[in-house]
Each structure stands twice: as structure tokens, then as C-alpha cells.
Amino acid sequence: MARIAGVDLPREKRGEVALTYIYGVGRPTANRVLRDARVDPNKRVSTWSDDETGRVREILERDVRVEGDLRREISMNVKRLMDVGTYRGMRHRRGLPVRGQRTHTNARTRKGPRRGVMVKKKSTAAAPAPKKAGA
């Protein structure tokens, strides 16, 4: 099994698809990396030689920011926006959509499940008291 950037690549998938399992690598980046490493994009990961795996790993580590480094950079960018107090930072802080989407309806992914208006429960005093046995 090929392990690149801390991710086990699926063995039975084509190279260009398997590389997209790495956070920060999409199809265009995967194709560019495979071209630079001189690996056929249609070749299954299980048929890669150790040399091919090493070339792909080396190019990814050298040229592309992936996994932990990329996640850290993105979180630092969002934190900077919140610290500066920009509009986008405030939307991040409140958990609302950041890119101009409407919120009157929709936006459930960001806002979470609906919280209904205060629903009153039937009062327990209105229910008749149970009769005691033997009385």
C-alpha cells in the first residue's frame, strides 16, 4: 500500500484519482504531480513500483502544501480574519455563511438544526391526580 503525506492511498484506484484522497490535492494537481514524476495517471496504485511511489512522494512534499500544513495555514487565515474583526471574520465567528449566501431560508449546513420558537408543554397541573389504592 502506498502511503504518501500520512494518507494510505487506495490500491485499486487509478493514480490520478487515488492522489485526490490527500487533503489539498485535486484532479489538476494530481495530474501535474504524476506528469512531473513520469507516472502514467491511468496506472493503478497497486502496480506502482517503489521508485514511482518515491518520486510522487518527493514531488508532493517539495512542491505542494498538503494535509497538516495546509489545514494549519487555512485555520490561521480564518483566525487572522476573526482577530482583525473583518466582516468575513465575524461571519466565521457566528457560524454563518461567509460568501454572501442568503440566510433567511437555507444555510442549514452552517447554522445547524432549526431551533423552534418556544413550544409550551401542557401543564401537569391540569391533569387529574391519580387516585390512591385502598382509599
N, C-alpha and C. Protein backbone atom coordinates (compact mmCIF):
# COMPACT_ATOMS: atom_id res chain seq x y z
N MET A 1 0.84 -1.18 0.00
CA MET A 1 0.00 0.00 0.00
C MET A 1 0.88 1.24 0.00
N ALA A 2 0.57 2.19 -0.89
CA ALA A 2 1.33 3.43 -0.96
C ALA A 2 0.85 4.39 0.12
N ARG A 3 1.79 4.86 0.92
CA ARG A 3 1.46 5.83 1.96
C ARG A 3 2.20 7.11 1.64
N ILE A 4 1.43 8.16 1.32
CA ILE A 4 2.02 9.44 0.94
C ILE A 4 1.39 10.53 1.78
N ALA A 5 2.19 11.39 2.37
CA ALA A 5 1.75 12.52 3.20
C ALA A 5 0.85 12.04 4.34
N GLY A 6 1.12 10.87 4.89
CA GLY A 6 0.35 10.35 6.00
C GLY A 6 -0.99 9.76 5.62
N VAL A 7 -1.23 9.55 4.32
CA VAL A 7 -2.51 9.00 3.86
C VAL A 7 -2.24 7.71 3.11
N ASP A 8 -2.99 6.66 3.45
CA ASP A 8 -2.90 5.40 2.70
C ASP A 8 -3.73 5.55 1.43
N LEU A 9 -3.08 5.48 0.28
CA LEU A 9 -3.81 5.60 -0.98
C LEU A 9 -4.54 4.29 -1.28
N PRO A 10 -5.76 4.38 -1.81
CA PRO A 10 -6.48 3.16 -2.18
C PRO A 10 -5.75 2.43 -3.29
N ARG A 11 -5.52 1.15 -3.12
CA ARG A 11 -4.67 0.38 -4.04
C ARG A 11 -5.31 0.14 -5.40
N GLU A 12 -6.62 -0.04 -5.45
CA GLU A 12 -7.25 -0.44 -6.71
C GLU A 12 -7.77 0.73 -7.53
N LYS A 13 -7.42 1.95 -7.15
CA LYS A 13 -7.85 3.11 -7.94
C LYS A 13 -6.72 3.59 -8.83
N ARG A 14 -7.10 4.30 -9.89
CA ARG A 14 -6.10 4.88 -10.78
C ARG A 14 -5.33 5.95 -10.03
N GLY A 15 -4.11 6.19 -10.45
CA GLY A 15 -3.22 7.12 -9.76
C GLY A 15 -3.80 8.51 -9.58
N GLU A 16 -4.39 9.06 -10.67
CA GLU A 16 -4.89 10.43 -10.57
C GLU A 16 -6.06 10.54 -9.60
N VAL A 17 -6.85 9.49 -9.46
CA VAL A 17 -7.98 9.50 -8.52
C VAL A 17 -7.47 9.24 -7.11
N ALA A 18 -6.55 8.32 -6.96
CA ALA A 18 -6.04 7.96 -5.63
C ALA A 18 -5.36 9.14 -4.95
N LEU A 19 -4.65 9.96 -5.72
CA LEU A 19 -3.96 11.11 -5.10
C LEU A 19 -4.93 12.13 -4.55
N THR A 20 -6.17 12.16 -5.06
CA THR A 20 -7.14 13.13 -4.55
C THR A 20 -7.62 12.78 -3.14
N TYR A 21 -7.25 11.61 -2.62
CA TYR A 21 -7.58 11.26 -1.24
C TYR A 21 -6.73 12.06 -0.26
N ILE A 22 -5.70 12.72 -0.75
CA ILE A 22 -4.85 13.56 0.08
C ILE A 22 -5.47 14.94 0.16
N TYR A 23 -5.64 15.47 1.36
CA TYR A 23 -6.24 16.79 1.55
C TYR A 23 -5.37 17.84 0.86
N GLY A 24 -5.98 18.61 -0.02
CA GLY A 24 -5.27 19.66 -0.74
C GLY A 24 -4.85 19.27 -2.13
N VAL A 25 -5.14 18.03 -2.56
CA VAL A 25 -4.79 17.57 -3.89
C VAL A 25 -6.08 17.26 -4.64
N GLY A 26 -6.33 18.00 -5.72
CA GLY A 26 -7.47 17.74 -6.59
C GLY A 26 -6.98 17.09 -7.87
N ARG A 27 -7.90 16.95 -8.83
CA ARG A 27 -7.52 16.29 -10.09
C ARG A 27 -6.41 17.03 -10.84
N PRO A 28 -6.50 18.35 -11.01
CA PRO A 28 -5.43 19.03 -11.75
C PRO A 28 -4.06 18.88 -11.09
N THR A 29 -4.02 19.02 -9.77
CA THR A 29 -2.74 18.87 -9.05
C THR A 29 -2.23 17.45 -9.15
N ALA A 30 -3.14 16.48 -9.03
CA ALA A 30 -2.73 15.07 -9.13
C ALA A 30 -2.13 14.79 -10.50
N ASN A 31 -2.76 15.29 -11.56
CA ASN A 31 -2.24 15.08 -12.91
C ASN A 31 -0.88 15.74 -13.10
N ARG A 32 -0.72 16.94 -12.54
CA ARG A 32 0.57 17.64 -12.67
C ARG A 32 1.67 16.89 -11.93
N VAL A 33 1.37 16.40 -10.73
CA VAL A 33 2.36 15.66 -9.95
C VAL A 33 2.75 14.37 -10.67
N LEU A 34 1.77 13.64 -11.19
CA LEU A 34 2.07 12.39 -11.90
C LEU A 34 2.87 12.66 -13.18
N ARG A 35 2.56 13.76 -13.87
CA ARG A 35 3.32 14.10 -15.08
C ARG A 35 4.78 14.42 -14.71
N ASP A 36 4.98 15.20 -13.64
CA ASP A 36 6.34 15.55 -13.22
C ASP A 36 7.10 14.32 -12.74
N ALA A 37 6.38 13.35 -12.13
CA ALA A 37 7.02 12.15 -11.62
C ALA A 37 7.17 11.07 -12.70
N ARG A 38 6.67 11.34 -13.90
CA ARG A 38 6.72 10.40 -15.03
C ARG A 38 6.03 9.07 -14.66
N VAL A 39 4.79 9.21 -14.12
CA VAL A 39 3.97 8.04 -13.78
C VAL A 39 2.70 8.15 -14.60
N ASP A 40 2.29 7.04 -15.20
CA ASP A 40 1.07 7.02 -16.01
C ASP A 40 -0.14 7.23 -15.09
N PRO A 41 -0.97 8.27 -15.36
CA PRO A 41 -2.13 8.54 -14.49
C PRO A 41 -3.17 7.42 -14.50
N ASN A 42 -3.18 6.60 -15.55
CA ASN A 42 -4.16 5.51 -15.64
C ASN A 42 -3.70 4.24 -14.94
N LYS A 43 -2.46 4.22 -14.47
CA LYS A 43 -1.91 3.05 -13.80
C LYS A 43 -2.46 2.95 -12.38
N ARG A 44 -2.85 1.74 -11.98
CA ARG A 44 -3.38 1.52 -10.63
C ARG A 44 -2.27 1.67 -9.59
N VAL A 45 -2.62 2.14 -8.41
CA VAL A 45 -1.63 2.36 -7.35
C VAL A 45 -0.95 1.04 -6.97
N SER A 46 -1.69 -0.06 -7.03
CA SER A 46 -1.10 -1.36 -6.65
C SER A 46 0.02 -1.78 -7.59
N THR A 47 0.06 -1.22 -8.81
CA THR A 47 1.11 -1.59 -9.76
C THR A 47 2.27 -0.60 -9.76
N TRP A 48 2.20 0.44 -8.94
CA TRP A 48 3.32 1.38 -8.86
C TRP A 48 4.53 0.68 -8.26
N SER A 49 5.70 0.97 -8.81
CA SER A 49 6.93 0.44 -8.23
C SER A 49 7.32 1.34 -7.05
N ASP A 50 8.28 0.87 -6.25
CA ASP A 50 8.76 1.68 -5.13
C ASP A 50 9.39 2.97 -5.63
N ASP A 51 10.05 2.91 -6.78
CA ASP A 51 10.67 4.10 -7.37
C ASP A 51 9.61 5.13 -7.75
N GLU A 52 8.52 4.69 -8.37
CA GLU A 52 7.44 5.61 -8.77
C GLU A 52 6.79 6.23 -7.55
N THR A 53 6.53 5.42 -6.53
CA THR A 53 5.94 5.94 -5.30
C THR A 53 6.85 6.97 -4.66
N GLY A 54 8.13 6.71 -4.65
CA GLY A 54 9.10 7.65 -4.08
C GLY A 54 9.14 8.96 -4.83
N ARG A 55 9.08 8.89 -6.18
CA ARG A 55 9.09 10.13 -6.97
C ARG A 55 7.84 10.96 -6.70
N VAL A 56 6.69 10.31 -6.63
CA VAL A 56 5.44 11.03 -6.36
C VAL A 56 5.50 11.66 -4.97
N ARG A 57 5.96 10.90 -3.98
CA ARG A 57 6.05 11.40 -2.61
C ARG A 57 6.99 12.61 -2.54
N GLU A 58 8.12 12.50 -3.23
CA GLU A 58 9.12 13.57 -3.19
C GLU A 58 8.57 14.86 -3.82
N ILE A 59 7.87 14.74 -4.95
CA ILE A 59 7.31 15.93 -5.63
C ILE A 59 6.22 16.56 -4.77
N LEU A 60 5.36 15.74 -4.17
CA LEU A 60 4.30 16.28 -3.31
C LEU A 60 4.89 17.02 -2.12
N GLU A 61 5.89 16.44 -1.48
CA GLU A 61 6.48 17.09 -0.31
C GLU A 61 7.20 18.38 -0.68
N ARG A 62 7.80 18.41 -1.88
CA ARG A 62 8.58 19.56 -2.29
C ARG A 62 7.71 20.70 -2.81
N ASP A 63 6.70 20.39 -3.64
CA ASP A 63 6.00 21.43 -4.38
C ASP A 63 4.60 21.78 -3.88
N VAL A 64 3.96 20.87 -3.17
CA VAL A 64 2.55 21.07 -2.84
C VAL A 64 2.37 21.09 -1.33
N ARG A 65 1.59 22.05 -0.85
CA ARG A 65 1.29 22.10 0.58
C ARG A 65 0.04 21.25 0.81
N VAL A 66 0.16 20.20 1.62
CA VAL A 66 -0.94 19.26 1.81
C VAL A 66 -1.12 18.93 3.28
N GLU A 67 -2.26 18.28 3.57
CA GLU A 67 -2.62 17.74 4.89
C GLU A 67 -2.40 18.75 6.02
N GLY A 68 -1.59 18.42 7.02
CA GLY A 68 -1.46 19.22 8.23
C GLY A 68 -1.03 20.64 7.99
N ASP A 69 -0.04 20.85 7.12
CA ASP A 69 0.44 22.20 6.84
C ASP A 69 -0.66 23.06 6.23
N LEU A 70 -1.41 22.49 5.29
CA LEU A 70 -2.48 23.23 4.63
C LEU A 70 -3.61 23.53 5.61
N ARG A 71 -4.01 22.54 6.40
CA ARG A 71 -5.07 22.77 7.40
C ARG A 71 -4.65 23.87 8.38
N ARG A 72 -3.40 23.84 8.82
CA ARG A 72 -2.89 24.84 9.76
C ARG A 72 -2.92 26.23 9.12
N GLU A 73 -2.50 26.32 7.87
CA GLU A 73 -2.48 27.61 7.19
C GLU A 73 -3.89 28.18 7.04
N ILE A 74 -4.84 27.34 6.66
CA ILE A 74 -6.22 27.79 6.49
C ILE A 74 -6.80 28.25 7.82
N SER A 75 -6.56 27.49 8.89
CA SER A 75 -7.10 27.88 10.19
C SER A 75 -6.46 29.18 10.68
N MET A 76 -5.18 29.39 10.38
CA MET A 76 -4.52 30.64 10.76
C MET A 76 -5.09 31.82 9.97
N ASN A 77 -5.42 31.60 8.70
CA ASN A 77 -6.02 32.67 7.90
C ASN A 77 -7.38 33.06 8.46
N VAL A 78 -8.18 32.07 8.84
CA VAL A 78 -9.51 32.35 9.40
C VAL A 78 -9.36 33.04 10.75
N LYS A 79 -8.41 32.58 11.57
CA LYS A 79 -8.18 33.21 12.87
C LYS A 79 -7.75 34.67 12.71
N ARG A 80 -6.91 34.93 11.72
CA ARG A 80 -6.48 36.31 11.46
C ARG A 80 -7.67 37.19 11.10
N LEU A 81 -8.57 36.67 10.24
CA LEU A 81 -9.76 37.44 9.87
C LEU A 81 -10.61 37.75 11.10
N MET A 82 -10.74 36.78 12.00
CA MET A 82 -11.55 37.00 13.21
C MET A 82 -10.87 38.00 14.14
N ASP A 83 -9.54 37.91 14.27
CA ASP A 83 -8.81 38.81 15.17
C ASP A 83 -8.87 40.25 14.67
N VAL A 84 -8.77 40.43 13.36
CA VAL A 84 -8.79 41.78 12.79
C VAL A 84 -10.19 42.37 12.89
N GLY A 85 -11.19 41.49 12.90
CA GLY A 85 -12.57 41.96 13.03
C GLY A 85 -13.23 42.28 11.70
N THR A 86 -12.79 41.63 10.64
CA THR A 86 -13.39 41.86 9.34
C THR A 86 -14.79 41.27 9.31
N TYR A 87 -15.57 41.66 8.30
CA TYR A 87 -16.92 41.13 8.13
C TYR A 87 -16.87 39.61 7.98
N ARG A 88 -15.95 39.12 7.15
CA ARG A 88 -15.82 37.67 6.96
C ARG A 88 -15.45 36.99 8.27
N GLY A 89 -14.58 37.62 9.07
CA GLY A 89 -14.20 37.05 10.35
C GLY A 89 -15.38 36.96 11.31
N MET A 90 -16.23 37.99 11.29
CA MET A 90 -17.42 37.97 12.16
C MET A 90 -18.37 36.85 11.73
N ARG A 91 -18.53 36.65 10.43
CA ARG A 91 -19.40 35.57 9.95
C ARG A 91 -18.85 34.21 10.37
N HIS A 92 -17.53 34.04 10.29
CA HIS A 92 -16.91 32.79 10.75
C HIS A 92 -17.20 32.59 12.24
N ARG A 93 -17.02 33.65 13.03
CA ARG A 93 -17.20 33.55 14.47
C ARG A 93 -18.63 33.16 14.83
N ARG A 94 -19.60 33.71 14.08
CA ARG A 94 -21.01 33.44 14.38
C ARG A 94 -21.51 32.15 13.75
N GLY A 95 -20.69 31.52 12.91
CA GLY A 95 -21.09 30.28 12.28
C GLY A 95 -22.12 30.48 11.19
N LEU A 96 -22.05 31.61 10.50
CA LEU A 96 -22.97 31.92 9.41
C LEU A 96 -22.24 31.81 8.08
N PRO A 97 -22.97 31.78 6.97
CA PRO A 97 -22.31 31.71 5.66
C PRO A 97 -21.41 32.93 5.44
N VAL A 98 -20.26 32.70 4.83
CA VAL A 98 -19.25 33.74 4.71
C VAL A 98 -19.28 34.39 3.33
N ARG A 99 -19.76 33.70 2.32
CA ARG A 99 -19.59 34.17 0.95
C ARG A 99 -20.85 34.76 0.33
N GLY A 100 -21.65 35.44 1.14
CA GLY A 100 -22.77 36.19 0.59
C GLY A 100 -24.04 35.42 0.34
N GLN A 101 -24.14 34.18 0.82
CA GLN A 101 -25.37 33.42 0.61
C GLN A 101 -26.49 33.99 1.48
N ARG A 102 -27.73 33.73 1.07
CA ARG A 102 -28.87 34.19 1.85
C ARG A 102 -29.00 33.35 3.10
N THR A 103 -29.58 33.96 4.16
CA THR A 103 -29.76 33.21 5.40
C THR A 103 -31.20 33.23 5.87
N HIS A 104 -32.08 33.97 5.18
CA HIS A 104 -33.48 33.99 5.59
C HIS A 104 -34.05 32.57 5.52
N THR A 105 -33.76 31.89 4.42
CA THR A 105 -34.05 30.47 4.31
C THR A 105 -32.73 29.80 3.96
N ASN A 106 -32.69 28.51 4.05
CA ASN A 106 -31.47 27.74 3.73
C ASN A 106 -30.35 28.04 4.73
N ALA A 107 -29.11 27.80 4.34
CA ALA A 107 -27.93 27.98 5.20
C ALA A 107 -27.94 27.03 6.39
N ARG A 108 -28.65 25.91 6.30
CA ARG A 108 -28.75 24.97 7.42
C ARG A 108 -27.43 24.28 7.72
N THR A 109 -26.59 24.14 6.72
CA THR A 109 -25.30 23.49 6.95
C THR A 109 -24.47 24.31 7.94
N ARG A 110 -24.45 25.63 7.75
CA ARG A 110 -23.67 26.49 8.63
C ARG A 110 -24.39 26.79 9.94
N LYS A 111 -25.71 26.98 9.89
CA LYS A 111 -26.45 27.41 11.07
C LYS A 111 -26.81 26.26 11.99
N GLY A 112 -26.82 25.03 11.47
CA GLY A 112 -27.19 23.89 12.30
C GLY A 112 -28.68 23.65 12.26
N PRO A 113 -29.16 22.68 13.03
CA PRO A 113 -30.59 22.35 13.01
C PRO A 113 -31.43 23.52 13.50
N ARG A 114 -32.66 23.56 13.01
CA ARG A 114 -33.57 24.64 13.40
C ARG A 114 -33.85 24.58 14.89
N ARG A 115 -33.92 25.75 15.50
CA ARG A 115 -34.36 25.84 16.89
C ARG A 115 -35.74 26.48 16.84
N GLY A 116 -36.76 25.72 17.17
CA GLY A 116 -38.13 26.21 17.06
C GLY A 116 -38.44 27.30 18.05
N VAL A 117 -39.51 28.04 17.79
CA VAL A 117 -39.98 29.04 18.73
C VAL A 117 -40.43 28.30 19.98
N MET A 118 -40.37 28.93 21.13
CA MET A 118 -40.69 28.28 22.39
C MET A 118 -42.01 27.52 22.31
N VAL A 119 -41.93 26.24 22.38
CA VAL A 119 -43.12 25.41 22.33
C VAL A 119 -43.52 25.10 23.76
N LYS A 120 -44.77 25.49 24.14
CA LYS A 120 -45.20 25.28 25.52
C LYS A 120 -45.70 23.86 25.68
N LYS A 121 -45.29 23.22 26.76
CA LYS A 121 -45.77 21.89 27.08
C LYS A 121 -47.08 22.03 27.85
N LYS A 122 -47.93 21.01 27.77
CA LYS A 122 -49.17 21.04 28.53
C LYS A 122 -48.83 21.01 30.01
N SER A 123 -49.50 21.81 30.76
CA SER A 123 -49.19 21.90 32.17
C SER A 123 -49.60 20.60 32.87
N THR A 124 -48.81 20.16 33.82
CA THR A 124 -49.08 18.92 34.54
C THR A 124 -50.17 19.12 35.58
N ALA A 125 -50.45 20.35 35.98
CA ALA A 125 -51.46 20.63 36.99
C ALA A 125 -52.85 20.38 36.42
N ALA A 126 -53.03 20.51 35.14
CA ALA A 126 -54.34 20.32 34.51
C ALA A 126 -54.74 18.86 34.51
N ALA A 127 -53.82 17.97 34.58
CA ALA A 127 -54.13 16.52 34.57
C ALA A 127 -54.66 16.13 35.95
N PRO A 128 -55.70 15.27 35.99
CA PRO A 128 -56.23 14.86 37.30
C PRO A 128 -55.21 14.00 38.05
N ALA A 129 -55.20 14.20 39.34
CA ALA A 129 -54.28 13.45 40.21
C ALA A 129 -54.71 11.99 40.26
N PRO A 130 -53.78 11.05 40.22
CA PRO A 130 -54.16 9.64 40.28
C PRO A 130 -54.71 9.29 41.66
N LYS A 131 -55.70 8.42 41.67
CA LYS A 131 -56.32 8.02 42.95
C LYS A 131 -55.44 7.00 43.64
N LYS A 132 -55.40 7.10 44.98
CA LYS A 132 -54.60 6.18 45.76
C LYS A 132 -55.33 4.86 45.93
N ALA A 133 -54.62 3.78 45.88
CA ALA A 133 -55.24 2.46 46.05
C ALA A 133 -55.58 2.24 47.53
N GLY A 134 -56.78 1.71 47.79
CA GLY A 134 -57.19 1.38 49.15
C GLY A 134 -57.79 2.53 49.89
N ALA A 135 -58.09 3.60 49.25
CA ALA A 135 -58.65 4.74 49.96
C ALA A 135 -60.15 4.83 49.79
